[in-house]
Amino acid sequence: MQQIDLDNHNLNFELELQYARARQRQRRRSVILIVFAIMSIFYVFLQPNQYADKSNQIPYSQNNGTNNITETNATVLSIQQHFQTLEKLLLQQFQGQWTNSQNITNNLAEANFQKTSYQNRSQIELKLKLIEGQFLEDYSNQFAFYLNSSQLILPLEDNHYVFENVRGAYRKSSVFENDQPSVEIQANLTLIFNNVNLDSDLLDDITLELKAHYILQSETFYFNSNLNIINIDNKAIIYSTIVSILSVIQFISCLKLMKDFINENRMATQFSLFIFVFLMIFDGYLGIVHFFLAQKSEYFLTPAFLELVLFFFLELKLAKHIWQERFINLQDNLNLRSELYLFHLKFYLLSIIVVLLLYFLIYYNIFLIVINLYLLPQIIHVAYKGQYVEFDKIFVFGLLSTRLFIPIYYRGCPYNILHAEVSYLTVISIILLFAAQVVLYYYQCQIGPRFFLPKWLRPKTHEYFVEQPLEGECAICITSLNELPTESQLENKFIAKIISQNQNKLMETPCGHHFHSICLTKWMNVKLNCPTCRSILPPLI
């Protein structure tokens, strides 16, 4: 009996083991089936062009019935290798002419290739700008075509690419009107590269023939374009050399101003703090932009380095020196510290605002004109303070005028590096407005800080000159008030004229202190506070 029970037990164990194995095989089959279903779904979504609606596609004359060709593994590999050769042209720029159905050939075309992704697949984006108009900036047709290997048409030829049913976008841009919104289009493209060996690293003499048929609002359009590759290194060398030379001039000008500030040949309080803070932020922004452009060409590293040096080591010190000269008379450390915190707060807020404006509005012509009004804050500062200053050629021509090159380049050169649209009106406006600022500032230094203001806008002035003889000493030259100094005032012709008209008079401040006219005038040309009690003084005129 025990033997029978043992046999039955073994039989039951074997049956249970077979049943468990059968259930395990069933689970494996279920898992494989689920994985296969998921992969099939992903395959459908990742290959949208194979399942697209054929009714909306453009009939292509060069198809030659090749859609019926069975693609073997060798064919697929050939398509992938053929498509990968286009990656040699990434970040390259092409320029040339284009024609449309009316055979107009005097228009400028610009194109470049970039790598993007769509539905988790890498593809190449062909950006194309067809510019039309008398001055090249009137109107532009902007296209974006998204190319992938599944759109290539067989049979393949060397340097000859035919794409069918390409997904794209189109919009029309104008300087006179608001840009139209982008519209989705479908297109057939033919790309023919001449004088090219994509196996070589030299891409200097490539020409591109581009033919496109696209559907826009149920109508079919076409255009042809002949483009030549632009060697960005040659353009970058010329551009970087000029910008580097101008940065060196600005570097030397900053050193000269710093030396004069330290030696008190030029007083820091005569300059607007806003100008140096803005220049510092602008140079930092340009340094970062040129650093990113160095990814295309290493020649941009030199201007990026020089502009960042200007930002960190010179203009920052100049702005700090001007700020210190303004608050050097504060005796209370608590007030001085609060003023320092307020200065940093204003600086960071201004930096954020300027960087955001530069990032979003740099391509607007009006904004470019406004940011080049460099001398306007200085003119306002001198008129507000009422101080007589010298016309500083280093400040005007060495530090400010050299910054006009970059906006003039991007708005005046049709073949600039960033493909920015030219606007000769903007260039002329920038030059004329800067010249007008220089003329106004020059006469402001020669005639008077408020000569251009009408009398009803000028603040009330204090009558400094008194005639009665006084006893005591002048706190500036430490001599008797009755002994008039023979030194002449030569710093400003207009001030010298005022002093000569009041040669035998003394000057009395609103706080009741008396000084020689020449002594106090020189003092007020540096600081507008009383030499005795440090109270604030109103301007002379």
Protein backbone atom coordinates (compact mmCIF):
# COMPACT_ATOMS: atom_id res chain seq x y z
CA MET A 1 0.00 0.00 0.00
CA GLN A 2 2.78 2.36 0.83
CA GLN A 3 4.40 1.64 -2.51
CA ILE A 4 1.15 2.45 -4.34
CA ASP A 5 0.72 5.69 -2.40
CA LEU A 6 4.31 6.68 -3.21
CA ASP A 7 3.76 6.02 -6.91
CA ASN A 8 0.57 8.07 -6.87
CA HIS A 9 2.39 10.90 -5.14
CA ASN A 10 5.17 10.92 -7.75
CA LEU A 11 2.60 10.87 -10.53
CA ASN A 12 0.74 13.83 -9.05
CA PHE A 13 4.02 15.72 -8.64
CA GLU A 14 4.93 15.14 -12.29
CA LEU A 15 1.50 16.27 -13.42
CA GLU A 16 1.73 19.45 -11.35
CA LEU A 17 5.22 20.12 -12.72
CA GLN A 18 4.03 19.72 -16.32
CA TYR A 19 1.05 21.97 -15.59
CA ALA A 20 3.36 24.65 -14.10
CA ARG A 21 5.64 24.47 -17.13
CA ALA A 22 2.65 24.82 -19.42
CA ARG A 23 1.46 27.90 -17.57
CA GLN A 24 4.97 29.38 -17.76
CA ARG A 25 5.09 28.84 -21.54
CA GLN A 26 1.66 30.45 -21.81
CA ARG A 27 2.85 33.52 -19.91
CA ARG A 28 5.89 33.79 -22.16
CA ARG A 29 3.68 33.66 -25.24
CA SER A 30 1.44 36.39 -23.74
CA VAL A 31 4.42 38.63 -22.94
CA ILE A 32 5.85 38.17 -26.44
CA LEU A 33 2.48 38.95 -27.98
CA ILE A 34 2.08 42.14 -25.88
CA VAL A 35 5.62 43.31 -26.71
CA PHE A 36 5.01 42.66 -30.41
CA ALA A 37 1.75 44.63 -30.27
CA ILE A 38 3.43 47.58 -28.52
CA MET A 39 6.31 47.60 -31.03
CA SER A 40 3.83 47.52 -33.90
CA ILE A 41 1.97 50.51 -32.47
CA PHE A 42 5.20 52.46 -31.99
CA TYR A 43 6.28 51.55 -35.51
CA VAL A 44 3.07 52.96 -36.93
CA PHE A 45 3.43 56.24 -35.04
CA LEU A 46 7.13 56.57 -35.81
CA GLN A 47 6.55 56.09 -39.54
CA PRO A 48 3.79 58.62 -40.25
CA ASN A 49 4.74 59.18 -43.87
CA GLN A 50 4.11 55.55 -44.79
CA TYR A 51 0.53 55.74 -43.50
CA ALA A 52 -0.30 59.30 -44.58
CA ASP A 53 -3.33 60.16 -46.60
CA LYS A 54 -2.27 59.93 -50.23
CA SER A 55 -5.05 62.27 -51.36
CA ASN A 56 -3.27 65.37 -50.01
CA GLN A 57 0.15 64.49 -51.40
CA ILE A 58 1.76 66.17 -54.38
CA PRO A 59 2.15 64.03 -57.52
CA TYR A 60 5.84 64.01 -58.38
CA SER A 61 7.01 63.66 -61.96
CA GLN A 62 10.37 62.10 -61.05
CA ASN A 63 8.83 59.20 -59.17
CA ASN A 64 9.14 56.78 -62.12
CA GLY A 65 7.14 54.09 -60.34
CA THR A 66 9.84 53.54 -57.73
CA ASN A 67 7.33 53.28 -54.90
CA ASN A 68 6.76 49.65 -55.92
CA ILE A 69 10.39 48.70 -55.41
CA THR A 70 10.88 46.21 -52.60
CA GLU A 71 13.41 47.62 -50.17
CA THR A 72 15.93 45.05 -49.08
CA ASN A 73 18.30 45.46 -46.17
CA ALA A 74 20.98 46.68 -48.55
CA THR A 75 18.62 49.31 -49.95
CA VAL A 76 17.68 50.56 -46.49
CA LEU A 77 21.37 50.74 -45.56
CA SER A 78 22.12 52.67 -48.75
CA ILE A 79 19.34 55.17 -47.99
CA GLN A 80 20.64 55.73 -44.47
CA GLN A 81 24.21 56.22 -45.66
CA HIS A 82 23.04 58.54 -48.43
CA PHE A 83 21.01 60.59 -45.98
CA GLN A 84 23.82 60.78 -43.42
CA THR A 85 26.05 62.57 -45.92
CA LEU A 86 23.76 65.58 -45.51
CA GLU A 87 24.96 65.90 -41.92
CA LYS A 88 28.25 67.16 -43.34
CA LEU A 89 26.39 70.35 -44.25
CA LEU A 90 24.99 71.07 -40.78
CA LEU A 91 25.52 74.70 -39.67
CA GLN A 92 26.78 75.59 -43.16
CA GLN A 93 25.30 78.66 -44.82
CA PHE A 94 24.31 79.08 -48.48
CA GLN A 95 23.50 82.25 -50.36
CA GLY A 96 22.47 82.93 -53.92
CA GLN A 97 19.53 83.87 -56.13
CA TRP A 98 16.09 82.40 -56.63
CA THR A 99 13.42 82.50 -59.31
CA ASN A 100 9.71 81.87 -59.18
CA SER A 101 7.02 81.27 -61.77
CA GLN A 102 7.57 84.82 -63.11
CA ASN A 103 11.31 84.15 -63.67
CA ILE A 104 12.43 87.03 -61.47
CA THR A 105 16.15 86.49 -60.81
CA ASN A 106 17.25 89.59 -58.89
CA ASN A 107 16.23 88.26 -55.48
CA LEU A 108 18.43 87.03 -52.64
CA ALA A 109 18.12 83.52 -51.20
CA GLU A 110 19.66 82.26 -47.96
CA ALA A 111 19.64 78.69 -46.64
CA ASN A 112 21.20 76.55 -43.93
CA PHE A 113 20.82 73.02 -42.56
CA GLN A 114 20.19 72.17 -38.91
CA LYS A 115 19.60 68.93 -37.04
CA THR A 116 16.31 68.60 -35.15
CA SER A 117 14.05 65.85 -33.83
CA TYR A 118 10.43 65.01 -34.52
CA GLN A 119 8.46 62.26 -32.79
CA ASN A 120 11.67 60.88 -31.24
CA ARG A 121 13.39 60.67 -34.62
CA SER A 122 16.34 62.77 -35.73
CA GLN A 123 15.86 64.72 -38.92
CA ILE A 124 17.44 67.60 -40.82
CA GLU A 125 15.70 70.96 -40.99
CA LEU A 126 16.32 73.04 -44.11
CA LYS A 127 15.73 76.71 -43.33
CA LEU A 128 15.23 78.85 -46.41
CA LYS A 129 14.65 82.58 -46.75
CA LEU A 130 13.70 84.05 -50.12
CA ILE A 131 14.01 87.83 -49.99
CA GLU A 132 12.22 90.05 -52.47
CA GLY A 133 11.97 93.82 -52.82
CA GLN A 134 14.02 96.72 -54.07
CA PHE A 135 16.12 97.13 -50.94
CA LEU A 136 16.34 93.42 -50.03
CA GLU A 137 14.54 93.92 -46.73
CA ASP A 138 11.02 94.69 -47.97
CA TYR A 139 9.55 91.17 -47.95
CA SER A 140 10.89 87.70 -47.29
CA ASN A 141 9.35 84.25 -47.75
CA GLN A 142 10.58 82.00 -44.96
CA PHE A 143 10.40 78.21 -45.30
CA ALA A 144 11.29 75.35 -43.00
CA PHE A 145 11.44 71.85 -44.54
CA TYR A 146 11.88 68.77 -42.32
CA LEU A 147 13.82 66.04 -44.13
CA ASN A 148 14.19 62.39 -43.08
CA SER A 149 15.38 59.24 -44.81
CA SER A 150 11.88 57.80 -45.32
CA GLN A 151 11.13 60.59 -47.81
CA LEU A 152 14.02 59.83 -50.17
CA ILE A 153 13.00 58.57 -53.59
CA LEU A 154 14.78 55.65 -55.27
CA PRO A 155 16.98 55.12 -57.19
CA LEU A 156 19.68 57.09 -55.38
CA GLU A 157 22.32 59.10 -57.22
CA ASP A 158 25.51 60.66 -55.94
CA ASN A 159 24.93 64.18 -54.56
CA HIS A 160 21.39 64.08 -55.94
CA TYR A 161 18.53 64.02 -53.42
CA VAL A 162 14.82 63.79 -54.21
CA PHE A 163 12.41 64.12 -51.28
CA GLU A 164 8.68 63.47 -51.62
CA ASN A 165 5.86 64.71 -49.38
CA VAL A 166 8.08 66.73 -47.06
CA ARG A 167 6.46 68.31 -44.04
CA GLY A 168 7.16 72.04 -43.79
CA ALA A 169 6.10 75.49 -42.63
CA TYR A 170 5.82 78.82 -44.46
CA ARG A 171 5.33 82.41 -43.41
CA LYS A 172 5.75 85.81 -45.06
CA SER A 173 7.70 88.51 -43.23
CA SER A 174 7.81 92.24 -43.90
CA VAL A 175 9.39 95.29 -42.31
CA PHE A 176 6.30 97.32 -43.16
CA GLU A 177 3.64 94.92 -41.89
CA ASN A 178 3.19 92.42 -39.10
CA ASP A 179 4.57 88.98 -39.87
CA GLN A 180 2.00 86.48 -41.02
CA PRO A 181 1.52 83.34 -38.89
CA SER A 182 3.21 80.14 -40.00
CA VAL A 183 1.22 77.83 -42.28
CA GLU A 184 1.83 74.09 -42.63
CA ILE A 185 2.73 72.98 -46.14
CA GLN A 186 3.75 69.82 -47.99
CA ALA A 187 6.43 69.90 -50.63
CA ASN A 188 8.53 67.89 -53.06
CA LEU A 189 12.20 68.90 -53.09
CA THR A 190 15.13 68.21 -55.36
CA LEU A 191 18.61 68.96 -54.00
CA ILE A 192 21.59 68.73 -56.35
CA PHE A 193 25.08 69.38 -54.96
CA ASN A 194 27.83 70.27 -57.44
CA ASN A 195 31.61 70.44 -56.95
CA VAL A 196 31.35 68.56 -53.72
CA ASN A 197 33.15 65.65 -52.16
CA LEU A 198 31.31 64.93 -48.95
CA ASP A 199 34.03 62.49 -47.92
CA SER A 200 36.44 65.41 -47.67
CA ASP A 201 36.58 67.94 -44.84
CA LEU A 202 36.91 70.87 -47.29
CA LEU A 203 33.53 72.40 -48.10
CA ASP A 204 34.48 75.62 -49.89
CA ASP A 205 33.16 75.41 -53.46
CA ILE A 206 29.84 73.66 -53.04
CA THR A 207 26.91 74.85 -55.12
CA LEU A 208 23.35 73.80 -54.37
CA GLU A 209 20.53 73.65 -56.90
CA LEU A 210 17.20 73.59 -55.09
CA LYS A 211 13.86 72.96 -56.78
CA ALA A 212 10.66 72.93 -54.75
CA HIS A 213 6.97 72.33 -55.41
CA TYR A 214 4.71 73.07 -52.46
CA ILE A 215 0.99 73.30 -51.72
CA LEU A 216 -0.29 76.47 -50.06
CA GLN A 217 -4.02 76.94 -49.56
CA SER A 218 -4.87 74.20 -52.09
CA GLU A 219 -2.65 75.78 -54.75
CA THR A 220 0.67 74.45 -55.97
CA PHE A 221 3.66 76.81 -56.21
CA TYR A 222 7.25 76.24 -57.20
CA PHE A 223 10.60 78.03 -57.17
CA ASN A 224 14.20 77.33 -58.18
CA SER A 225 17.28 78.53 -56.38
CA ASN A 226 21.03 78.40 -57.09
CA LEU A 227 23.08 78.76 -53.92
CA ASN A 228 26.78 78.90 -53.11
CA ILE A 229 28.25 77.85 -49.79
CA ILE A 230 29.55 80.63 -47.57
CA ASN A 231 32.82 79.97 -45.79
CA ILE A 232 31.98 81.28 -42.35
CA ASP A 233 35.64 81.16 -41.27
CA ASN A 234 36.61 83.83 -43.82
CA LYS A 235 33.76 86.08 -42.68
CA ALA A 236 34.53 85.32 -39.03
CA ILE A 237 38.20 86.32 -39.45
CA ILE A 238 37.33 89.74 -40.88
CA TYR A 239 34.53 90.37 -38.38
CA SER A 240 36.54 89.18 -35.34
CA THR A 241 39.60 91.18 -36.36
CA ILE A 242 37.64 94.43 -36.58
CA VAL A 243 35.76 93.78 -33.33
CA SER A 244 39.00 92.83 -31.55
CA ILE A 245 40.75 96.02 -32.72
CA LEU A 246 37.82 98.13 -31.52
CA SER A 247 37.81 96.24 -28.19
CA VAL A 248 41.53 97.03 -27.75
CA ILE A 249 40.76 100.73 -28.39
CA GLN A 250 38.02 100.58 -25.76
CA PHE A 251 40.44 98.78 -23.43
CA ILE A 252 43.05 101.55 -23.79
CA SER A 253 40.37 104.25 -23.36
CA CYS A 254 39.16 102.66 -20.12
CA LEU A 255 42.74 102.52 -18.79
CA LYS A 256 43.26 106.20 -19.67
CA LEU A 257 40.01 107.21 -17.95
CA MET A 258 40.91 105.17 -14.87
CA LYS A 259 44.33 106.82 -14.70
CA ASP A 260 42.77 110.28 -15.01
CA PHE A 261 40.21 109.46 -12.33
CA ILE A 262 42.96 108.42 -9.94
CA ASN A 263 45.12 111.48 -10.75
CA GLU A 264 42.00 113.73 -10.64
CA ASN A 265 42.70 115.14 -14.09
CA ARG A 266 39.10 114.24 -14.88
CA MET A 267 36.66 114.01 -12.01
CA ALA A 268 34.53 110.89 -11.91
CA THR A 269 31.45 112.81 -10.79
CA GLN A 270 31.32 114.57 -14.16
CA PHE A 271 30.33 111.34 -15.88
CA SER A 272 27.00 109.54 -15.86
CA LEU A 273 27.07 106.32 -13.86
CA PHE A 274 24.28 104.88 -16.02
CA ILE A 275 26.48 104.94 -19.15
CA PHE A 276 29.23 102.82 -17.63
CA VAL A 277 26.77 100.37 -16.07
CA PHE A 278 24.97 99.96 -19.39
CA LEU A 279 28.24 99.53 -21.31
CA MET A 280 29.34 96.94 -18.79
CA ILE A 281 26.12 94.92 -19.20
CA PHE A 282 26.20 95.27 -22.99
CA ASP A 283 29.82 94.10 -23.23
CA GLY A 284 29.02 91.11 -21.01
CA TYR A 285 26.10 90.20 -23.27
CA LEU A 286 28.23 90.54 -26.42
CA GLY A 287 30.95 88.41 -24.86
CA ILE A 288 28.46 85.60 -24.21
CA VAL A 289 27.01 85.89 -27.74
CA HIS A 290 30.47 85.71 -29.33
CA PHE A 291 31.33 82.78 -27.08
CA PHE A 292 28.37 80.81 -28.45
CA LEU A 293 29.27 81.86 -32.01
CA ALA A 294 32.68 80.28 -31.37
CA GLN A 295 30.93 76.91 -31.72
CA LYS A 296 30.72 77.66 -35.45
CA SER A 297 34.16 79.22 -35.74
CA GLU A 298 36.89 79.49 -33.13
CA TYR A 299 37.83 82.97 -34.38
CA PHE A 300 35.01 84.43 -32.28
CA LEU A 301 36.87 83.50 -29.09
CA THR A 302 39.18 86.54 -29.29
CA PRO A 303 36.44 89.24 -29.25
CA ALA A 304 34.54 87.21 -26.62
CA PHE A 305 37.61 87.18 -24.36
CA LEU A 306 38.32 90.91 -24.82
CA GLU A 307 34.71 91.91 -24.14
CA LEU A 308 34.54 89.80 -20.97
CA VAL A 309 37.82 91.38 -19.80
CA LEU A 310 36.29 94.82 -20.38
CA PHE A 311 33.25 93.76 -18.38
CA PHE A 312 35.00 92.24 -15.36
CA PHE A 313 38.20 94.25 -14.95
CA LEU A 314 37.78 97.76 -16.37
CA GLU A 315 34.21 98.98 -16.76
CA LEU A 316 33.25 97.45 -13.42
CA LYS A 317 36.05 99.38 -11.72
CA LEU A 318 35.12 102.59 -13.53
CA ALA A 319 31.49 102.30 -12.41
CA LYS A 320 32.61 101.54 -8.85
CA HIS A 321 34.96 104.54 -8.83
CA ILE A 322 32.21 106.90 -10.03
CA TRP A 323 29.85 105.58 -7.35
CA GLN A 324 32.48 106.04 -4.61
CA GLU A 325 33.13 109.65 -5.66
CA ARG A 326 29.42 110.42 -5.30
CA PHE A 327 29.15 109.14 -1.75
CA ILE A 328 32.64 109.84 -0.45
CA ASN A 329 31.31 112.53 1.88
CA LEU A 330 28.95 110.19 3.74
CA GLN A 331 30.29 109.93 7.27
CA ASP A 332 27.69 107.48 8.52
CA ASN A 333 28.71 103.91 7.70
CA LEU A 334 25.09 102.78 7.95
CA ASN A 335 23.98 105.24 5.25
CA LEU A 336 26.97 104.31 3.12
CA ARG A 337 26.13 100.62 3.41
CA SER A 338 22.48 101.23 2.54
CA GLU A 339 23.53 103.22 -0.54
CA LEU A 340 25.80 100.35 -1.57
CA TYR A 341 22.96 97.82 -1.21
CA LEU A 342 20.70 100.10 -3.23
CA PHE A 343 23.35 100.40 -5.96
CA HIS A 344 23.69 96.62 -6.22
CA LEU A 345 19.92 96.20 -6.32
CA LYS A 346 19.60 98.73 -9.15
CA PHE A 347 22.50 97.11 -11.00
CA TYR A 348 21.02 93.60 -10.91
CA LEU A 349 17.55 94.83 -11.88
CA LEU A 350 18.99 96.84 -14.76
CA SER A 351 21.07 93.84 -15.86
CA ILE A 352 18.00 91.60 -16.00
CA ILE A 353 15.98 94.20 -17.89
CA VAL A 354 18.74 95.00 -20.41
CA VAL A 355 19.54 91.33 -21.10
CA LEU A 356 15.86 90.48 -21.64
CA LEU A 357 15.41 93.47 -23.94
CA LEU A 358 18.53 92.56 -25.91
CA TYR A 359 17.40 88.95 -26.23
CA PHE A 360 13.85 89.66 -27.38
CA LEU A 361 14.14 93.03 -29.19
CA ILE A 362 17.62 93.00 -30.73
CA TYR A 363 16.22 92.46 -34.25
CA TYR A 364 13.87 95.46 -34.05
CA ASN A 365 15.27 98.53 -35.81
CA ILE A 366 13.76 101.04 -33.38
CA PHE A 367 15.33 99.23 -30.44
CA LEU A 368 18.74 99.23 -32.16
CA ILE A 369 18.48 102.98 -32.67
CA VAL A 370 17.50 103.59 -29.04
CA ILE A 371 20.33 101.55 -27.47
CA ASN A 372 22.89 103.49 -29.54
CA LEU A 373 21.96 106.80 -27.89
CA TYR A 374 25.03 106.39 -25.69
CA LEU A 375 25.68 110.10 -25.06
CA LEU A 376 22.13 111.00 -24.11
CA PRO A 377 22.49 109.95 -20.40
CA GLN A 378 25.68 112.02 -20.18
CA ILE A 379 23.95 115.07 -21.67
CA ILE A 380 21.07 114.69 -19.19
CA HIS A 381 23.49 114.19 -16.30
CA VAL A 382 25.48 117.35 -17.09
CA ALA A 383 22.32 119.41 -17.56
CA TYR A 384 20.82 118.11 -14.31
CA LYS A 385 23.96 118.77 -12.28
CA GLY A 386 24.66 122.11 -13.98
CA GLN A 387 28.39 121.43 -13.94
CA TYR A 388 30.77 122.74 -16.57
CA VAL A 389 32.76 119.84 -17.96
CA GLU A 390 35.42 119.46 -20.60
CA PHE A 391 34.72 117.74 -23.89
CA ASP A 392 36.44 114.39 -23.37
CA LYS A 393 37.62 113.02 -26.73
CA ILE A 394 38.73 109.71 -25.21
CA PHE A 395 35.30 109.17 -23.68
CA VAL A 396 33.36 110.15 -26.82
CA PHE A 397 35.47 108.74 -29.64
CA GLY A 398 37.50 106.04 -27.92
CA LEU A 399 34.85 104.44 -25.71
CA LEU A 400 31.49 105.24 -27.33
CA SER A 401 31.85 105.75 -31.09
CA THR A 402 33.71 102.43 -31.49
CA ARG A 403 30.53 100.60 -30.43
CA LEU A 404 28.62 101.67 -33.52
CA PHE A 405 30.34 99.05 -35.69
CA ILE A 406 28.30 96.01 -34.58
CA PRO A 407 24.81 97.44 -35.23
CA ILE A 408 26.01 99.03 -38.49
CA TYR A 409 27.46 95.67 -39.57
CA TYR A 410 24.30 93.67 -38.88
CA ARG A 411 22.02 96.27 -40.45
CA GLY A 412 24.27 97.46 -43.26
CA CYS A 413 25.93 94.26 -44.54
CA PRO A 414 23.54 92.07 -46.60
CA TYR A 415 25.79 89.02 -46.11
CA ASN A 416 26.36 89.26 -42.37
CA ILE A 417 27.08 86.27 -40.18
CA LEU A 418 23.68 86.03 -38.48
CA HIS A 419 21.69 86.54 -41.69
CA ALA A 420 20.04 89.60 -40.15
CA GLU A 421 17.94 91.65 -42.52
CA VAL A 422 19.61 94.84 -43.73
CA SER A 423 18.08 98.25 -43.12
CA TYR A 424 20.02 101.17 -44.52
CA LEU A 425 17.55 103.59 -42.97
CA THR A 426 18.46 102.21 -39.54
CA VAL A 427 22.19 102.58 -40.27
CA ILE A 428 21.78 106.19 -41.39
CA SER A 429 19.61 106.96 -38.34
CA ILE A 430 22.21 105.51 -35.94
CA ILE A 431 25.05 107.54 -37.49
CA LEU A 432 23.12 110.82 -37.69
CA LEU A 433 21.74 110.55 -34.15
CA PHE A 434 25.16 109.81 -32.69
CA ALA A 435 26.64 112.78 -34.59
CA ALA A 436 23.84 114.99 -33.26
CA GLN A 437 24.60 113.82 -29.70
CA VAL A 438 28.30 114.62 -30.15
CA VAL A 439 27.52 118.13 -31.44
CA LEU A 440 25.07 118.79 -28.60
CA TYR A 441 27.52 117.54 -25.96
CA TYR A 442 30.34 119.64 -27.47
CA TYR A 443 28.35 122.87 -27.31
CA GLN A 444 27.12 121.88 -23.87
CA CYS A 445 30.75 121.82 -22.73
CA GLN A 446 31.61 125.08 -24.50
CA ILE A 447 28.54 127.28 -23.95
CA GLY A 448 26.90 125.89 -20.83
CA PRO A 449 25.28 122.72 -19.50
CA ARG A 450 21.74 124.08 -19.91
CA PHE A 451 22.09 126.29 -22.98
CA PHE A 452 19.50 124.27 -24.96
CA LEU A 453 16.85 124.49 -22.23
CA PRO A 454 14.32 127.34 -22.26
CA LYS A 455 14.40 129.65 -19.25
CA TRP A 456 11.12 128.34 -17.85
CA LEU A 457 12.61 124.84 -17.63
CA ARG A 458 15.80 125.90 -15.90
CA PRO A 459 15.83 125.65 -12.08
CA LYS A 460 16.15 128.78 -10.01
CA THR A 461 19.79 129.68 -9.38
CA HIS A 462 21.44 131.29 -6.38
CA GLU A 463 23.10 134.70 -6.71
CA TYR A 464 26.64 133.85 -5.61
CA PHE A 465 28.45 137.14 -6.35
CA VAL A 466 28.56 139.81 -3.65
CA GLU A 467 30.32 143.19 -3.72
CA GLN A 468 30.77 144.20 -0.10
CA PRO A 469 34.28 143.75 1.36
CA LEU A 470 34.50 141.01 3.96
CA GLU A 471 36.98 140.04 6.61
CA GLY A 472 38.26 136.51 6.98
CA GLU A 473 39.98 133.83 4.97
CA CYS A 474 39.01 131.77 1.98
CA ALA A 475 38.77 128.14 3.14
CA ILE A 476 39.99 126.91 -0.25
CA CYS A 477 43.22 128.87 -0.83
CA ILE A 478 43.74 129.85 2.87
CA THR A 479 44.34 133.53 2.04
CA SER A 480 42.53 136.73 3.04
CA LEU A 481 39.25 137.45 1.30
CA ASN A 482 40.46 140.99 0.62
CA GLU A 483 43.40 139.65 -1.40
CA LEU A 484 42.04 138.56 -4.76
CA PRO A 485 44.11 135.80 -6.43
CA THR A 486 45.65 136.64 -9.79
CA GLU A 487 45.20 133.12 -11.18
CA SER A 488 42.98 133.07 -14.26
CA GLN A 489 40.20 130.59 -14.95
CA LEU A 490 41.07 128.76 -18.15
CA GLU A 491 39.16 125.48 -17.81
CA ASN A 492 36.07 126.74 -19.58
CA LYS A 493 35.70 129.83 -21.75
CA PHE A 494 32.18 130.48 -20.61
CA ILE A 495 33.17 130.32 -16.92
CA ALA A 496 36.20 132.50 -17.63
CA LYS A 497 33.85 135.11 -19.09
CA ILE A 498 31.63 135.04 -16.00
CA ILE A 499 34.62 135.41 -13.69
CA SER A 500 36.05 138.30 -15.72
CA GLN A 501 32.71 140.13 -15.44
CA ASN A 502 32.77 139.68 -11.65
CA GLN A 503 36.48 140.10 -11.11
CA ASN A 504 36.30 142.27 -7.98
CA LYS A 505 33.49 140.31 -6.32
CA LEU A 506 33.42 137.51 -3.80
CA MET A 507 31.08 134.54 -3.78
CA GLU A 508 28.63 133.72 -0.99
CA THR A 509 27.06 130.25 -0.70
CA PRO A 510 23.45 129.67 0.43
CA CYS A 511 24.82 128.40 3.73
CA GLY A 512 26.52 131.81 4.38
CA HIS A 513 30.20 131.02 3.69
CA HIS A 514 32.37 133.29 1.53
CA PHE A 515 35.13 132.44 -0.94
CA HIS A 516 37.11 133.92 -3.78
CA SER A 517 35.18 133.70 -7.03
CA ILE A 518 37.95 131.82 -8.83
CA CYS A 519 38.45 129.38 -5.95
CA LEU A 520 34.79 128.49 -5.45
CA THR A 521 34.14 128.25 -9.20
CA LYS A 522 36.94 125.73 -9.58
CA TRP A 523 35.65 123.84 -6.55
CA MET A 524 32.10 123.73 -7.89
CA ASN A 525 33.37 122.43 -11.19
CA VAL A 526 34.49 119.36 -9.25
CA LYS A 527 31.99 119.02 -6.39
CA LEU A 528 28.70 120.76 -5.76
CA ASN A 529 29.01 121.05 -1.99
CA CYS A 530 30.30 123.70 0.36
CA PRO A 531 34.02 123.35 1.18
CA THR A 532 33.31 124.41 4.77
CA CYS A 533 30.11 122.63 5.85
CA ARG A 534 29.70 120.11 3.00
CA SER A 535 26.12 121.21 2.29
CA ILE A 536 24.82 120.81 -1.25
CA LEU A 537 25.26 123.83 -3.51
CA PRO A 538 23.02 124.80 -6.43
CA PRO A 539 24.68 125.15 -9.85
CA LEU A 540 26.32 128.42 -10.80
CA ILE A 541 23.86 129.06 -13.65
